[in-house]
Amino acid sequence: MEILPLAMTLLIWMQIKHFVADYLLQPPWMLRGKGSFFQVGGYVHAGIHAVGTLPVLLATGVELWLCLVLFCGEFVIHYIIDYIKATLSSGAKTSARTFWAMHGADQLMHQLTYAAIIWIVLTNR
């Protein structure tokens, strides 16, 4: 696959995966578990994101070893981003500017993670 179509395919499918994993497959117990290393919710949520990335990478011809490296990296990075957001916005009401600033920063960091994944894929072809 040419580089531009590959980049766009990865970007589109990563965006769809992010929407599904972050908004459709995240029940309240996962949300509650993000601010503690001792609750399973944040780990399961990060795992759903990492698992969702695998078929996107495999379907676009990324080598298995690189898929596994990116899987592990996304899991760890996604968990840390969500943990920091949960900790910093703890107690903030959804009507507060702080809550939305943290939510926006969280989403930005996830999007930058996807940009990094795509860059790594493109530079390892």
PDB file of N, CA and C in Angstrom:
ATOM      1  N   MET A   1       0.854  -1.183   0.000  1.00  0.00           N
ATOM      2  CA  MET A   1       0.000   0.000   0.000  1.00  0.00           C
ATOM      3  C   MET A   1       0.893   1.238   0.000  1.00  0.00           C
ATOM      4  N   GLU A   2       0.543   2.199  -0.805  1.00  0.00           N
ATOM      5  CA  GLU A   2       1.278   3.465  -0.853  1.00  0.00           C
ATOM      6  C   GLU A   2       1.208   4.156   0.511  1.00  0.00           C
ATOM      7  N   ILE A   3       2.161   5.033   0.765  1.00  0.00           N
ATOM      8  CA  ILE A   3       2.295   5.632   2.092  1.00  0.00           C
ATOM      9  C   ILE A   3       1.097   6.503   2.498  1.00  0.00           C
ATOM     10  N   LEU A   4       0.593   7.348   1.601  1.00  0.00           N
ATOM     11  CA  LEU A   4      -0.532   8.215   1.965  1.00  0.00           C
ATOM     12  C   LEU A   4      -1.814   7.418   2.205  1.00  0.00           C
ATOM     13  N   PRO A   5      -2.192   6.497   1.322  1.00  0.00           N
ATOM     14  CA  PRO A   5      -3.381   5.689   1.618  1.00  0.00           C
ATOM     15  C   PRO A   5      -3.226   4.870   2.905  1.00  0.00           C
ATOM     16  N   LEU A   6      -2.009   4.369   3.161  1.00  0.00           N
ATOM     17  CA  LEU A   6      -1.770   3.615   4.395  1.00  0.00           C
ATOM     18  C   LEU A   6      -1.958   4.513   5.612  1.00  0.00           C
ATOM     19  N   ALA A   7      -1.372   5.699   5.570  1.00  0.00           N
ATOM     20  CA  ALA A   7      -1.504   6.638   6.691  1.00  0.00           C
ATOM     21  C   ALA A   7      -2.965   6.998   6.939  1.00  0.00           C
ATOM     22  N   MET A   8      -3.700   7.275   5.878  1.00  0.00           N
ATOM     23  CA  MET A   8      -5.119   7.634   6.032  1.00  0.00           C
ATOM     24  C   MET A   8      -5.950   6.453   6.531  1.00  0.00           C
ATOM     25  N   THR A   9      -5.668   5.262   6.032  1.00  0.00           N
ATOM     26  CA  THR A   9      -6.382   4.070   6.495  1.00  0.00           C
ATOM     27  C   THR A   9      -6.146   3.859   7.981  1.00  0.00           C
ATOM     28  N   LEU A  10      -4.894   3.944   8.396  1.00  0.00           N
ATOM     29  CA  LEU A  10      -4.571   3.793   9.821  1.00  0.00           C
ATOM     30  C   LEU A  10      -5.263   4.868  10.652  1.00  0.00           C
ATOM     31  N   LEU A  11      -5.185   6.112  10.201  1.00  0.00           N
ATOM     32  CA  LEU A  11      -5.791   7.215  10.946  1.00  0.00           C
ATOM     33  C   LEU A  11      -7.300   7.023  11.104  1.00  0.00           C
ATOM     34  N   ILE A  12      -7.979   6.697  10.026  1.00  0.00           N
ATOM     35  CA  ILE A  12      -9.439   6.537  10.083  1.00  0.00           C
ATOM     36  C   ILE A  12      -9.826   5.390  11.007  1.00  0.00           C
ATOM     37  N   TRP A  13      -9.157   4.236  10.852  1.00  0.00           N
ATOM     38  CA  TRP A  13      -9.519   3.093  11.700  1.00  0.00           C
ATOM     39  C   TRP A  13      -9.135   3.308  13.160  1.00  0.00           C
ATOM     40  N   MET A  14      -8.035   4.034  13.417  1.00  0.00           N
ATOM     41  CA  MET A  14      -7.668   4.341  14.809  1.00  0.00           C
ATOM     42  C   MET A  14      -8.702   5.283  15.438  1.00  0.00           C
ATOM     43  N   GLN A  15      -9.237   6.207  14.652  1.00  0.00           N
ATOM     44  CA  GLN A  15     -10.274   7.111  15.161  1.00  0.00           C
ATOM     45  C   GLN A  15     -11.554   6.341  15.489  1.00  0.00           C
ATOM     46  N   ILE A  16     -11.941   5.435  14.607  1.00  0.00           N
ATOM     47  CA  ILE A  16     -13.137   4.618  14.858  1.00  0.00           C
ATOM     48  C   ILE A  16     -12.923   3.761  16.096  1.00  0.00           C
ATOM     49  N   LYS A  17     -11.755   3.125  16.184  1.00  0.00           N
ATOM     50  CA  LYS A  17     -11.429   2.303  17.357  1.00  0.00           C
ATOM     51  C   LYS A  17     -11.484   3.133  18.630  1.00  0.00           C
ATOM     52  N   HIS A  18     -10.949   4.336  18.578  1.00  0.00           N
ATOM     53  CA  HIS A  18     -10.933   5.191  19.765  1.00  0.00           C
ATOM     54  C   HIS A  18     -12.356   5.534  20.207  1.00  0.00           C
ATOM     55  N   PHE A  19     -13.203   5.894  19.276  1.00  0.00           N
ATOM     56  CA  PHE A  19     -14.590   6.217  19.618  1.00  0.00           C
ATOM     57  C   PHE A  19     -15.283   5.017  20.259  1.00  0.00           C
ATOM     58  N   VAL A  20     -15.149   3.865  19.652  1.00  0.00           N
ATOM     59  CA  VAL A  20     -15.809   2.663  20.179  1.00  0.00           C
ATOM     60  C   VAL A  20     -15.271   2.317  21.570  1.00  0.00           C
ATOM     61  N   ALA A  21     -13.949   2.293  21.725  1.00  0.00           N
ATOM     62  CA  ALA A  21     -13.352   1.904  23.003  1.00  0.00           C
ATOM     63  C   ALA A  21     -13.567   2.943  24.098  1.00  0.00           C
ATOM     64  N   ASP A  22     -13.505   4.220  23.749  1.00  0.00           N
ATOM     65  CA  ASP A  22     -13.603   5.273  24.768  1.00  0.00           C
ATOM     66  C   ASP A  22     -15.036   5.636  25.137  1.00  0.00           C
ATOM     67  N   TYR A  23     -15.954   5.486  24.201  1.00  0.00           N
ATOM     68  CA  TYR A  23     -17.313   5.957  24.467  1.00  0.00           C
ATOM     69  C   TYR A  23     -18.368   4.860  24.478  1.00  0.00           C
ATOM     70  N   LEU A  24     -18.226   3.825  23.664  1.00  0.00           N
ATOM     71  CA  LEU A  24     -19.251   2.788  23.616  1.00  0.00           C
ATOM     72  C   LEU A  24     -18.946   1.610  24.532  1.00  0.00           C
ATOM     73  N   LEU A  25     -17.680   1.312  24.751  1.00  0.00           N
ATOM     74  CA  LEU A  25     -17.297   0.142  25.545  1.00  0.00           C
ATOM     75  C   LEU A  25     -16.724   0.504  26.915  1.00  0.00           C
ATOM     76  N   GLN A  26     -17.131   1.635  27.470  1.00  0.00           N
ATOM     77  CA  GLN A  26     -16.587   2.064  28.756  1.00  0.00           C
ATOM     78  C   GLN A  26     -17.714   2.290  29.758  1.00  0.00           C
ATOM     79  N   PRO A  27     -18.091   1.250  30.496  1.00  0.00           N
ATOM     80  CA  PRO A  27     -19.142   1.409  31.498  1.00  0.00           C
ATOM     81  C   PRO A  27     -18.626   2.175  32.727  1.00  0.00           C
ATOM     82  N   PRO A  28     -19.523   2.585  33.605  1.00  0.00           N
ATOM     83  CA  PRO A  28     -19.134   3.371  34.783  1.00  0.00           C
ATOM     84  C   PRO A  28     -18.056   2.725  35.657  1.00  0.00           C
ATOM     85  N   TRP A  29     -18.068   1.409  35.806  1.00  0.00           N
ATOM     86  CA  TRP A  29     -17.058   0.785  36.673  1.00  0.00           C
ATOM     87  C   TRP A  29     -15.641   0.975  36.119  1.00  0.00           C
ATOM     88  N   MET A  30     -15.507   1.070  34.803  1.00  0.00           N
ATOM     89  CA  MET A  30     -14.186   1.354  34.228  1.00  0.00           C
ATOM     90  C   MET A  30     -13.783   2.793  34.525  1.00  0.00           C
ATOM     91  N   LEU A  31     -14.729   3.707  34.362  1.00  0.00           N
ATOM     92  CA  LEU A  31     -14.450   5.115  34.655  1.00  0.00           C
ATOM     93  C   LEU A  31     -13.994   5.292  36.094  1.00  0.00           C
ATOM     94  N   ARG A  32     -14.664   4.622  37.011  1.00  0.00           N
ATOM     95  CA  ARG A  32     -14.313   4.743  38.432  1.00  0.00           C
ATOM     96  C   ARG A  32     -12.938   4.153  38.734  1.00  0.00           C
ATOM     97  N   GLY A  33     -12.510   3.195  37.945  1.00  0.00           N
ATOM     98  CA  GLY A  33     -11.255   2.513  38.235  1.00  0.00           C
ATOM     99  C   GLY A  33     -10.017   3.159  37.653  1.00  0.00           C
ATOM    100  N   LYS A  34     -10.157   4.251  36.953  1.00  0.00           N
ATOM    101  CA  LYS A  34      -9.011   4.854  36.275  1.00  0.00           C
ATOM    102  C   LYS A  34      -8.062   5.616  37.193  1.00  0.00           C
ATOM    103  N   GLY A  35      -8.528   6.063  38.325  1.00  0.00           N
ATOM    104  CA  GLY A  35      -7.694   6.889  39.186  1.00  0.00           C
ATOM    105  C   GLY A  35      -6.976   6.119  40.273  1.00  0.00           C
ATOM    106  N   SER A  36      -6.944   4.790  40.162  1.00  0.00           N
ATOM    107  CA  SER A  36      -6.298   3.983  41.192  1.00  0.00           C
ATOM    108  C   SER A  36      -5.530   2.835  40.551  1.00  0.00           C
ATOM    109  N   PHE A  37      -4.311   2.652  41.010  1.00  0.00           N
ATOM    110  CA  PHE A  37      -3.522   1.520  40.530  1.00  0.00           C
ATOM    111  C   PHE A  37      -4.089   0.199  41.042  1.00  0.00           C
ATOM    112  N   PHE A  38      -4.976   0.260  42.038  1.00  0.00           N
ATOM    113  CA  PHE A  38      -5.487  -0.944  42.691  1.00  0.00           C
ATOM    114  C   PHE A  38      -6.877  -1.351  42.225  1.00  0.00           C
ATOM    115  N   GLN A  39      -7.410  -0.685  41.215  1.00  0.00           N
ATOM    116  CA  GLN A  39      -8.709  -1.052  40.647  1.00  0.00           C
ATOM    117  C   GLN A  39      -8.513  -1.482  39.201  1.00  0.00           C
ATOM    118  N   VAL A  40      -9.285  -2.457  38.798  1.00  0.00           N
ATOM    119  CA  VAL A  40      -9.091  -3.099  37.504  1.00  0.00           C
ATOM    120  C   VAL A  40      -9.611  -2.275  36.315  1.00  0.00           C
ATOM    121  N   GLY A  41     -10.523  -1.339  36.546  1.00  0.00           N
ATOM    122  CA  GLY A  41     -11.177  -0.619  35.456  1.00  0.00           C
ATOM    123  C   GLY A  41     -10.243   0.045  34.466  1.00  0.00           C
ATOM    124  N   GLY A  42      -9.247   0.736  34.960  1.00  0.00           N
ATOM    125  CA  GLY A  42      -8.308   1.425  34.077  1.00  0.00           C
ATOM    126  C   GLY A  42      -7.487   0.463  33.235  1.00  0.00           C
ATOM    127  N   TYR A  43      -7.128  -0.669  33.829  1.00  0.00           N
ATOM    128  CA  TYR A  43      -6.355  -1.675  33.099  1.00  0.00           C
ATOM    129  C   TYR A  43      -7.190  -2.315  31.991  1.00  0.00           C
ATOM    130  N   VAL A  44      -8.450  -2.644  32.313  1.00  0.00           N
ATOM    131  CA  VAL A  44      -9.334  -3.242  31.310  1.00  0.00           C
ATOM    132  C   VAL A  44      -9.566  -2.252  30.167  1.00  0.00           C
ATOM    133  N   HIS A  45      -9.807  -0.995  30.515  1.00  0.00           N
ATOM    134  CA  HIS A  45     -10.044   0.034  29.494  1.00  0.00           C
ATOM    135  C   HIS A  45      -8.829   0.186  28.570  1.00  0.00           C
ATOM    136  N   ALA A  46      -7.641   0.287  29.144  1.00  0.00           N
ATOM    137  CA  ALA A  46      -6.423   0.403  28.329  1.00  0.00           C
ATOM    138  C   ALA A  46      -6.229  -0.855  27.484  1.00  0.00           C
ATOM    139  N   GLY A  47      -6.587  -2.003  28.044  1.00  0.00           N
ATOM    140  CA  GLY A  47      -6.491  -3.256  27.300  1.00  0.00           C
ATOM    141  C   GLY A  47      -7.421  -3.292  26.104  1.00  0.00           C
ATOM    142  N   ILE A  48      -8.635  -2.785  26.274  1.00  0.00           N
ATOM    143  CA  ILE A  48      -9.587  -2.724  25.156  1.00  0.00           C
ATOM    144  C   ILE A  48      -9.012  -1.864  24.027  1.00  0.00           C
ATOM    145  N   HIS A  49      -8.408  -0.751  24.391  1.00  0.00           N
ATOM    146  CA  HIS A  49      -7.784   0.108  23.370  1.00  0.00           C
ATOM    147  C   HIS A  49      -6.653  -0.626  22.652  1.00  0.00           C
ATOM    148  N   ALA A  50      -5.781  -1.262  23.418  1.00  0.00           N
ATOM    149  CA  ALA A  50      -4.642  -1.956  22.813  1.00  0.00           C
ATOM    150  C   ALA A  50      -5.105  -3.116  21.933  1.00  0.00           C
ATOM    151  N   VAL A  51      -6.073  -3.894  22.424  1.00  0.00           N
ATOM    152  CA  VAL A  51      -6.603  -5.017  21.644  1.00  0.00           C
ATOM    153  C   VAL A  51      -7.279  -4.509  20.373  1.00  0.00           C
ATOM    154  N   GLY A  52      -7.962  -3.381  20.455  1.00  0.00           N
ATOM    155  CA  GLY A  52      -8.622  -2.809  19.284  1.00  0.00           C
ATOM    156  C   GLY A  52      -7.656  -2.334  18.215  1.00  0.00           C
ATOM    157  N   THR A  53      -6.454  -2.010  18.616  1.00  0.00           N
ATOM    158  CA  THR A  53      -5.445  -1.556  17.664  1.00  0.00           C
ATOM    159  C   THR A  53      -4.857  -2.717  16.859  1.00  0.00           C
ATOM    160  N   LEU A  54      -4.799  -3.901  17.455  1.00  0.00           N
ATOM    161  CA  LEU A  54      -4.181  -5.047  16.775  1.00  0.00           C
ATOM    162  C   LEU A  54      -4.783  -5.357  15.407  1.00  0.00           C
ATOM    163  N   PRO A  55      -6.114  -5.509  15.279  1.00  0.00           N
ATOM    164  CA  PRO A  55      -6.644  -5.820  13.944  1.00  0.00           C
ATOM    165  C   PRO A  55      -6.403  -4.700  12.927  1.00  0.00           C
ATOM    166  N   VAL A  56      -6.371  -3.464  13.396  1.00  0.00           N
ATOM    167  CA  VAL A  56      -6.091  -2.342  12.493  1.00  0.00           C
ATOM    168  C   VAL A  56      -4.679  -2.489  11.923  1.00  0.00           C
ATOM    169  N   LEU A  57      -3.734  -2.776  12.800  1.00  0.00           N
ATOM    170  CA  LEU A  57      -2.348  -2.916  12.359  1.00  0.00           C
ATOM    171  C   LEU A  57      -2.159  -4.153  11.489  1.00  0.00           C
ATOM    172  N   LEU A  58      -2.709  -5.279  11.922  1.00  0.00           N
ATOM    173  CA  LEU A  58      -2.555  -6.522  11.163  1.00  0.00           C
ATOM    174  C   LEU A  58      -3.199  -6.427   9.784  1.00  0.00           C
ATOM    175  N   ALA A  59      -4.369  -5.798   9.714  1.00  0.00           N
ATOM    176  CA  ALA A  59      -5.085  -5.677   8.435  1.00  0.00           C
ATOM    177  C   ALA A  59      -4.352  -4.787   7.437  1.00  0.00           C
ATOM    178  N   THR A  60      -3.482  -3.926   7.942  1.00  0.00           N
ATOM    179  CA  THR A  60      -2.733  -3.043   7.040  1.00  0.00           C
ATOM    180  C   THR A  60      -1.325  -3.571   6.774  1.00  0.00           C
ATOM    181  N   GLY A  61      -1.074  -4.820   7.166  1.00  0.00           N
ATOM    182  CA  GLY A  61       0.181  -5.471   6.821  1.00  0.00           C
ATOM    183  C   GLY A  61       1.355  -5.195   7.727  1.00  0.00           C
ATOM    184  N   VAL A  62       1.110  -4.693   8.924  1.00  0.00           N
ATOM    185  CA  VAL A  62       2.203  -4.438   9.864  1.00  0.00           C
ATOM    186  C   VAL A  62       2.701  -5.791  10.388  1.00  0.00           C
ATOM    187  N   GLU A  63       4.015  -5.941  10.465  1.00  0.00           N
ATOM    188  CA  GLU A  63       4.602  -7.195  10.934  1.00  0.00           C
ATOM    189  C   GLU A  63       4.188  -7.477  12.378  1.00  0.00           C
ATOM    190  N   LEU A  64       4.055  -8.769  12.685  1.00  0.00           N
ATOM    191  CA  LEU A  64       3.565  -9.184  13.999  1.00  0.00           C
ATOM    192  C   LEU A  64       4.419  -8.646  15.140  1.00  0.00           C
ATOM    193  N   TRP A  65       5.738  -8.672  15.000  1.00  0.00           N
ATOM    194  CA  TRP A  65       6.598  -8.197  16.077  1.00  0.00           C
ATOM    195  C   TRP A  65       6.328  -6.730  16.383  1.00  0.00           C
ATOM    196  N   LEU A  66       6.121  -5.930  15.330  1.00  0.00           N
ATOM    197  CA  LEU A  66       5.856  -4.508  15.530  1.00  0.00           C
ATOM    198  C   LEU A  66       4.462  -4.302  16.120  1.00  0.00           C
ATOM    199  N   CYS A  67       3.504  -5.113  15.693  1.00  0.00           N
ATOM    200  CA  CYS A  67       2.153  -5.052  16.279  1.00  0.00           C
ATOM    201  C   CYS A  67       2.217  -5.271  17.786  1.00  0.00           C
ATOM    202  N   LEU A  68       3.002  -6.254  18.207  1.00  0.00           N
ATOM    203  CA  LEU A  68       3.099  -6.570  19.636  1.00  0.00           C
ATOM    204  C   LEU A  68       3.792  -5.458  20.418  1.00  0.00           C
ATOM    205  N   VAL A  69       4.817  -4.866  19.829  1.00  0.00           N
ATOM    206  CA  VAL A  69       5.496  -3.732  20.481  1.00  0.00           C
ATOM    207  C   VAL A  69       4.528  -2.563  20.634  1.00  0.00           C
ATOM    208  N   LEU A  70       3.801  -2.243  19.564  1.00  0.00           N
ATOM    209  CA  LEU A  70       2.846  -1.129  19.607  1.00  0.00           C
ATOM    210  C   LEU A  70       1.674  -1.438  20.533  1.00  0.00           C
ATOM    211  N   PHE A  71       1.242  -2.692  20.588  1.00  0.00           N
ATOM    212  CA  PHE A  71       0.194  -3.128  21.513  1.00  0.00           C
ATOM    213  C   PHE A  71       0.613  -2.820  22.953  1.00  0.00           C
ATOM    214  N   CYS A  72       1.804  -3.261  23.324  1.00  0.00           N
ATOM    215  CA  CYS A  72       2.294  -3.027  24.693  1.00  0.00           C
ATOM    216  C   CYS A  72       2.464  -1.535  24.972  1.00  0.00           C
ATOM    217  N   GLY A  73       3.032  -0.824  24.013  1.00  0.00           N
ATOM    218  CA  GLY A  73       3.222   0.615  24.190  1.00  0.00           C
ATOM    219  C   GLY A  73       1.914   1.350  24.352  1.00  0.00           C
ATOM    220  N   GLU A  74       0.931   1.018  23.509  1.00  0.00           N
ATOM    221  CA  GLU A  74      -0.357   1.706  23.629  1.00  0.00           C
ATOM    222  C   GLU A  74      -1.025   1.403  24.959  1.00  0.00           C
ATOM    223  N   PHE A  75      -0.944   0.154  25.407  1.00  0.00           N
ATOM    224  CA  PHE A  75      -1.547  -0.204  26.694  1.00  0.00           C
ATOM    225  C   PHE A  75      -0.974   0.661  27.813  1.00  0.00           C
ATOM    226  N   VAL A  76       0.328   0.706  27.910  1.00  0.00           N
ATOM    227  CA  VAL A  76       0.986   1.453  28.989  1.00  0.00           C
ATOM    228  C   VAL A  76       0.697   2.947  28.875  1.00  0.00           C
ATOM    229  N   ILE A  77       0.869   3.507  27.688  1.00  0.00           N
ATOM    230  CA  ILE A  77       0.662   4.946  27.501  1.00  0.00           C
ATOM    231  C   ILE A  77      -0.795   5.327  27.744  1.00  0.00           C
ATOM    232  N   HIS A  78      -1.730   4.515  27.234  1.00  0.00           N
ATOM    233  CA  HIS A  78      -3.149   4.834  27.426  1.00  0.00           C
ATOM    234  C   HIS A  78      -3.496   4.816  28.913  1.00  0.00           C
ATOM    235  N   TYR A  79      -2.994   3.810  29.621  1.00  0.00           N
ATOM    236  CA  TYR A  79      -3.274   3.730  31.055  1.00  0.00           C
ATOM    237  C   TYR A  79      -2.731   4.962  31.784  1.00  0.00           C
ATOM    238  N   ILE A  80      -1.507   5.337  31.496  1.00  0.00           N
ATOM    239  CA  ILE A  80      -0.885   6.479  32.182  1.00  0.00           C
ATOM    240  C   ILE A  80      -1.640   7.775  31.885  1.00  0.00           C
ATOM    241  N   ILE A  81      -2.002   8.005  30.628  1.00  0.00           N
ATOM    242  CA  ILE A  81      -2.757   9.216  30.270  1.00  0.00           C
ATOM    243  C   ILE A  81      -4.064   9.273  31.052  1.00  0.00           C
ATOM    244  N   ASP A  82      -4.797   8.167  31.071  1.00  0.00           N
ATOM    245  CA  ASP A  82      -6.084   8.144  31.772  1.00  0.00           C
ATOM    246  C   ASP A  82      -5.914   8.283  33.279  1.00  0.00           C
ATOM    247  N   TYR A  83      -4.861   7.678  33.822  1.00  0.00           N
ATOM    248  CA  TYR A  83      -4.601   7.781  35.260  1.00  0.00           C
ATOM    249  C   TYR A  83      -4.326   9.241  35.640  1.00  0.00           C
ATOM    250  N   ILE A  84      -3.496   9.906  34.867  1.00  0.00           N
ATOM    251  CA  ILE A  84      -3.172  11.314  35.148  1.00  0.00           C
ATOM    252  C   ILE A  84      -4.422  12.177  35.045  1.00  0.00           C
ATOM    253  N   LYS A  85      -5.216  11.968  33.993  1.00  0.00           N
ATOM    254  CA  LYS A  85      -6.444  12.753  33.831  1.00  0.00           C
ATOM    255  C   LYS A  85      -7.392  12.519  35.003  1.00  0.00           C
ATOM    256  N   ALA A  86      -7.573  11.257  35.395  1.00  0.00           N
ATOM    257  CA  ALA A  86      -8.475  10.937  36.503  1.00  0.00           C
ATOM    258  C   ALA A  86      -7.988  11.572  37.801  1.00  0.00           C
ATOM    259  N   THR A  87      -6.694  11.557  38.008  1.00  0.00           N
ATOM    260  CA  THR A  87      -6.125  12.128  39.227  1.00  0.00           C
ATOM    261  C   THR A  87      -6.265  13.652  39.244  1.00  0.00           C
ATOM    262  N   LEU A  88      -5.923  14.300  38.135  1.00  0.00           N
ATOM    263  CA  LEU A  88      -5.964  15.762  38.087  1.00  0.00           C
ATOM    264  C   LEU A  88      -7.384  16.332  38.057  1.00  0.00           C
ATOM    265  N   SER A  89      -8.326  15.583  37.484  1.00  0.00           N
ATOM    266  CA  SER A  89      -9.699  16.099  37.407  1.00  0.00           C
ATOM    267  C   SER A  89     -10.598  15.510  38.482  1.00  0.00           C
ATOM    268  N   SER A  90     -10.011  14.800  39.408  1.00  0.00           N
ATOM    269  CA  SER A  90     -10.774  14.186  40.495  1.00  0.00           C
ATOM    270  C   SER A  90     -11.581  15.238  41.253  1.00  0.00           C
ATOM    271  N   GLY A  91     -12.852  14.990  41.382  1.00  0.00           N
ATOM    272  CA  GLY A  91     -13.729  15.900  42.111  1.00  0.00           C
ATOM    273  C   GLY A  91     -14.250  17.065  41.298  1.00  0.00           C
ATOM    274  N   ALA A  92     -13.747  17.267  40.100  1.00  0.00           N
ATOM    275  CA  ALA A  92     -14.230  18.372  39.262  1.00  0.00           C
ATOM    276  C   ALA A  92     -15.595  18.015  38.689  1.00  0.00           C
ATOM    277  N   LYS A  93     -16.501  18.959  38.732  1.00  0.00           N
ATOM    278  CA  LYS A  93     -17.837  18.742  38.170  1.00  0.00           C
ATOM    279  C   LYS A  93     -17.780  18.901  36.655  1.00  0.00           C
ATOM    280  N   THR A  94     -18.696  18.221  35.971  1.00  0.00           N
ATOM    281  CA  THR A  94     -18.703  18.311  34.508  1.00  0.00           C
ATOM    282  C   THR A  94     -19.023  19.721  34.022  1.00  0.00           C
ATOM    283  N   SER A  95     -19.497  20.571  34.899  1.00  0.00           N
ATOM    284  CA  SER A  95     -19.760  21.960  34.518  1.00  0.00           C
ATOM    285  C   SER A  95     -18.527  22.851  34.727  1.00  0.00           C
ATOM    286  N   ALA A  96     -17.471  22.283  35.312  1.00  0.00           N
ATOM    287  CA  ALA A  96     -16.268  23.068  35.606  1.00  0.00           C
ATOM    288  C   ALA A  96     -15.311  23.099  34.413  1.00  0.00           C
ATOM    289  N   ARG A  97     -14.691  24.231  34.242  1.00  0.00           N
ATOM    290  CA  ARG A  97     -13.723  24.399  33.153  1.00  0.00           C
ATOM    291  C   ARG A  97     -12.560  23.411  33.296  1.00  0.00           C
ATOM    292  N   THR A  98     -12.144  23.152  34.527  1.00  0.00           N
ATOM    293  CA  THR A  98     -11.042  22.223  34.787  1.00  0.00           C
ATOM    294  C   THR A  98     -11.345  20.842  34.226  1.00  0.00           C
ATOM    295  N   PHE A  99     -12.570  20.371  34.438  1.00  0.00           N
ATOM    296  CA  PHE A  99     -12.960  19.055  33.931  1.00  0.00           C
ATOM    297  C   PHE A  99     -12.777  18.992  32.419  1.00  0.00           C
ATOM    298  N   TRP A 100     -13.284  19.988  31.718  1.00  0.00           N
ATOM    299  CA  TRP A 100     -13.229  19.978  30.255  1.00  0.00           C
ATOM    300  C   TRP A 100     -11.821  20.209  29.732  1.00  0.00           C
ATOM    301  N   ALA A 101     -11.027  20.992  30.443  1.00  0.00           N
ATOM    302  CA  ALA A 101      -9.627  21.173  30.053  1.00  0.00           C
ATOM    303  C   ALA A 101      -8.877  19.845  30.173  1.00  0.00           C
ATOM    304  N   MET A 102      -9.125  19.123  31.251  1.00  0.00           N
ATOM    305  CA  MET A 102      -8.487  17.821  31.443  1.00  0.00           C
ATOM    306  C   MET A 102      -8.984  16.810  30.412  1.00  0.00           C
ATOM    307  N   HIS A 103     -10.283  16.843  30.122  1.00  0.00           N
ATOM    308  CA  HIS A 103     -10.842  15.933  29.117  1.00  0.00           C
ATOM    309  C   HIS A 103     -10.213  16.218  27.747  1.00  0.00           C
ATOM    310  N   GLY A 104     -10.104  17.482  27.395  1.00  0.00           N
ATOM    311  CA  GLY A 104      -9.492  17.853  26.119  1.00  0.00           C
ATOM    312  C   GLY A 104      -8.026  17.456  26.048  1.00  0.00           C
ATOM    313  N   ALA A 105      -7.296  17.670  27.142  1.00  0.00           N
ATOM    314  CA  ALA A 105      -5.883  17.285  27.175  1.00  0.00           C
ATOM    315  C   ALA A 105      -5.734  15.769  27.050  1.00  0.00           C
ATOM    316  N   ASP A 106      -6.606  15.041  27.709  1.00  0.00           N
ATOM    317  CA  ASP A 106      -6.624  13.578  27.634  1.00  0.00           C
ATOM    318  C   ASP A 106      -6.830  13.119  26.188  1.00  0.00           C
ATOM    319  N   GLN A 107      -7.819  13.681  25.528  1.00  0.00           N
ATOM    320  CA  GLN A 107      -8.098  13.300  24.143  1.00  0.00           C
ATOM    321  C   GLN A 107      -6.944  13.695  23.214  1.00  0.00           C
ATOM    322  N   LEU A 108      -6.357  14.864  23.438  1.00  0.00           N
ATOM    323  CA  LEU A 108      -5.206  15.291  22.644  1.00  0.00           C
ATOM    324  C   LEU A 108      -4.049  14.307  22.790  1.00  0.00           C
ATOM    325  N   MET A 109      -3.755  13.898  24.014  1.00  0.00           N
ATOM    326  CA  MET A 109      -2.653  12.965  24.240  1.00  0.00           C
ATOM    327  C   MET A 109      -2.913  11.626  23.552  1.00  0.00           C
ATOM    328  N   HIS A 110      -4.159  11.167  23.569  1.00  0.00           N
ATOM    329  CA  HIS A 110      -4.480   9.915  22.867  1.00  0.00           C
ATOM    330  C   HIS A 110      -4.285  10.079  21.362  1.00  0.00           C
ATOM    331  N   GLN A 111      -4.704  11.218  20.820  1.00  0.00           N
ATOM    332  CA  GLN A 111      -4.541  11.450  19.381  1.00  0.00           C
ATOM    333  C   GLN A 111      -3.060  11.538  19.007  1.00  0.00           C
ATOM    334  N   LEU A 112      -2.256  12.141  19.859  1.00  0.00           N
ATOM    335  CA  LEU A 112      -0.814  12.198  19.601  1.00  0.00           C
ATOM    336  C   LEU A 112      -0.190  10.805  19.680  1.00  0.00           C
ATOM    337  N   THR A 113      -0.731   9.966  20.550  1.00  0.00           N
ATOM    338  CA  THR A 113      -0.280   8.571  20.616  1.00  0.00           C
ATOM    339  C   THR A 113      -0.545   7.873  19.288  1.00  0.00           C
ATOM    340  N   TYR A 114      -1.736   8.095  18.724  1.00  0.00           N
ATOM    341  CA  TYR A 114      -2.063   7.479  17.430  1.00  0.00           C
ATOM    342  C   TYR A 114      -1.163   8.023  16.328  1.00  0.00           C
ATOM    343  N   ALA A 115      -0.860   9.305  16.374  1.00  0.00           N
ATOM    344  CA  ALA A 115       0.058   9.886  15.388  1.00  0.00           C
ATOM    345  C   ALA A 115       1.428   9.212  15.496  1.00  0.00           C
ATOM    346  N   ALA A 116       1.873   8.965  16.725  1.00  0.00           N
ATOM    347  CA  ALA A 116       3.162   8.297  16.930  1.00  0.00           C
ATOM    348  C   ALA A 116       3.121   6.858  16.418  1.00  0.00           C
ATOM    349  N   ILE A 117       2.024   6.154  16.677  1.00  0.00           N
ATOM    350  CA  ILE A 117       1.881   4.780  16.181  1.00  0.00           C
ATOM    351  C   ILE A 117       1.955   4.769  14.657  1.00  0.00           C
ATOM    352  N   ILE A 118       1.230   5.670  14.025  1.00  0.00           N
ATOM    353  CA  ILE A 118       1.232   5.731  12.556  1.00  0.00           C
ATOM    354  C   ILE A 118       2.626   6.070  12.037  1.00  0.00           C
ATOM    355  N   TRP A 119       3.300   7.002  12.676  1.00  0.00           N
ATOM    356  CA  TRP A 119       4.659   7.369  12.276  1.00  0.00           C
ATOM    357  C   TRP A 119       5.595   6.165  12.390  1.00  0.00           C
ATOM    358  N   ILE A 120       5.487   5.428  13.490  1.00  0.00           N
ATOM    359  CA  ILE A 120       6.327   4.235  13.688  1.00  0.00           C
ATOM    360  C   ILE A 120       6.047   3.199  12.600  1.00  0.00           C
ATOM    361  N   VAL A 121       4.771   2.984  12.299  1.00  0.00           N
ATOM    362  CA  VAL A 121       4.413   2.034  11.234  1.00  0.00           C
ATOM    363  C   VAL A 121       5.013   2.474   9.901  1.00  0.00           C
ATOM    364  N   LEU A 122       4.854   3.740   9.573  1.00  0.00           N
ATOM    365  CA  LEU A 122       5.324   4.236   8.274  1.00  0.00           C
ATOM    366  C   LEU A 122       6.843   4.200   8.149  1.00  0.00           C
ATOM    367  N   THR A 123       7.541   4.414   9.248  1.00  0.00           N
ATOM    368  CA  THR A 123       9.009   4.413   9.196  1.00  0.00           C
ATOM    369  C   THR A 123       9.599   3.011   9.321  1.00  0.00           C
ATOM    370  N   ASN A 124       8.761   2.011   9.562  1.00  0.00           N
ATOM    371  CA  ASN A 124       9.231   0.628   9.659  1.00  0.00           C
ATOM    372  C   ASN A 124       8.736  -0.228   8.507  1.00  0.00           C
ATOM    373  N   ARG A 125       8.430   0.393   7.388  1.00  0.00           N
ATOM    374  CA  ARG A 125       7.963  -0.346   6.202  1.00  0.00           C
ATOM    375  C   ARG A 125       9.123  -0.868   5.410  1.00  0.00           C
TER     376      ARG A 125
END
